């Protein structure tokens, strides 16, 4: 996989199970998706979303690759569409359930 240059500190990353796409959660609260090509070394930004103004510390891609789950300092958990980064679901105060 080619290198991806970031302006902000990443906290976590995960790969799409079926496509050459990598997702990362950042210090700024952003979640980014990039499509990569190992053969050519090309990287294309797919989307960037900021479901929270607080840090996005953890993420995980569902087994089928349809959604990315993001958790962070806000205490909320967000379910984002892996296709476009739109918030599909938000669980407020999720830290209280742990």
Protein backbone atom coordinates (compact mmCIF):
# COMPACT_ATOMS: atom_id res chain seq x y z
CA UNK A 1 0.00 0.00 0.00
CA UNK A 2 1.30 3.48 -0.86
CA UNK A 3 2.07 6.04 1.85
CA UNK A 4 -0.64 8.56 2.73
CA UNK A 5 0.48 11.98 3.97
CA UNK A 6 -1.67 13.38 6.79
CA UNK A 7 -1.78 16.90 8.24
CA UNK A 8 -3.18 15.67 11.57
CA UNK A 9 -2.40 12.77 13.88
CA UNK A 10 -4.25 9.53 13.09
CA UNK A 11 -5.60 7.48 15.98
CA UNK A 12 -6.85 4.38 14.18
CA UNK A 13 -7.24 2.83 10.75
CA UNK A 14 -9.04 -0.09 9.18
CA UNK A 15 -9.33 -1.58 5.71
CA UNK A 16 -12.46 -2.24 3.66
CA UNK A 17 -12.91 -6.03 3.46
CA UNK A 18 -13.76 -6.11 -0.27
CA UNK A 19 -12.30 -2.99 -1.87
CA UNK A 20 -8.87 -1.27 -1.86
CA UNK A 21 -10.04 1.43 0.57
CA UNK A 22 -8.51 2.43 3.91
CA UNK A 23 -10.27 4.49 6.58
CA UNK A 24 -8.62 6.55 9.32
CA UNK A 25 -9.83 8.46 12.38
CA UNK A 26 -7.96 11.66 13.19
CA UNK A 27 -7.18 13.94 16.11
CA UNK A 28 -9.45 16.60 14.59
CA UNK A 29 -12.54 14.37 14.74
CA UNK A 30 -12.40 13.71 11.02
CA UNK A 31 -12.79 10.30 9.46
CA UNK A 32 -11.20 9.92 6.03
CA UNK A 33 -11.43 7.31 3.29
CA UNK A 34 -8.85 6.75 0.57
CA UNK A 35 -8.87 4.41 -2.40
CA UNK A 36 -5.44 3.04 -3.25
CA UNK A 37 -3.83 1.15 -6.12
CA UNK A 38 -0.84 -0.98 -5.17
CA UNK A 39 0.20 -1.42 -8.79
CA UNK A 40 0.44 2.28 -9.67
CA UNK A 41 0.96 3.73 -6.18
CA UNK A 42 -1.95 6.12 -6.71
CA UNK A 43 -4.10 7.28 -3.80
CA UNK A 44 -7.45 9.00 -4.23
CA UNK A 45 -9.36 10.71 -1.44
CA UNK A 46 -12.85 9.19 -1.42
CA UNK A 47 -14.42 11.32 1.32
CA UNK A 48 -13.84 13.09 4.61
CA UNK A 49 -16.45 13.46 7.34
CA UNK A 50 -16.44 15.05 10.76
CA UNK A 51 -19.23 13.45 12.79
CA UNK A 52 -17.92 15.05 15.99
CA UNK A 53 -15.90 18.14 16.85
CA UNK A 54 -14.05 16.04 19.42
CA UNK A 55 -11.27 13.55 18.68
CA UNK A 56 -12.16 10.44 16.64
CA UNK A 57 -10.14 7.80 18.48
CA UNK A 58 -11.31 4.44 17.19
CA UNK A 59 -12.95 3.02 14.11
CA UNK A 60 -13.97 -0.34 12.75
CA UNK A 61 -15.37 -1.41 9.38
CA UNK A 62 -18.28 -3.86 9.42
CA UNK A 63 -17.65 -7.32 7.97
CA UNK A 64 -19.67 -6.60 4.82
CA UNK A 65 -17.92 -3.23 4.38
CA UNK A 66 -21.12 -1.18 4.24
CA UNK A 67 -20.51 0.88 7.39
CA UNK A 68 -17.69 2.31 9.47
CA UNK A 69 -18.19 2.69 13.23
CA UNK A 70 -16.39 5.58 14.93
CA UNK A 71 -15.96 6.35 18.62
CA UNK A 72 -14.19 9.19 20.31
CA UNK A 73 -13.80 11.61 23.13
CA UNK A 74 -17.37 12.93 22.77
CA UNK A 75 -18.68 9.67 24.22
CA UNK A 76 -20.86 9.10 21.16
CA UNK A 77 -20.55 6.32 18.61
CA UNK A 78 -21.29 7.06 14.97
CA UNK A 79 -22.16 4.68 12.15
CA UNK A 80 -21.00 6.14 8.83
CA UNK A 81 -21.73 4.91 5.32
CA UNK A 82 -18.48 3.58 3.88
CA UNK A 83 -19.57 4.82 0.44
CA UNK A 84 -19.91 8.52 1.26
CA UNK A 85 -19.22 9.13 4.97
CA UNK A 86 -22.76 10.22 5.80
CA UNK A 87 -23.90 9.52 9.36
CA UNK A 88 -26.40 6.65 9.32
CA UNK A 89 -26.77 6.38 13.09
CA UNK A 90 -25.54 8.03 16.28
CA UNK A 91 -25.53 6.49 19.75
CA UNK A 92 -25.25 9.30 22.29
CA UNK A 93 -23.48 8.71 25.60
CA UNK A 94 -22.23 5.29 24.54
CA UNK A 95 -19.43 5.39 27.14
CA UNK A 96 -22.10 4.97 29.81
CA UNK A 97 -22.88 1.46 28.48
CA UNK A 98 -19.35 0.11 28.86
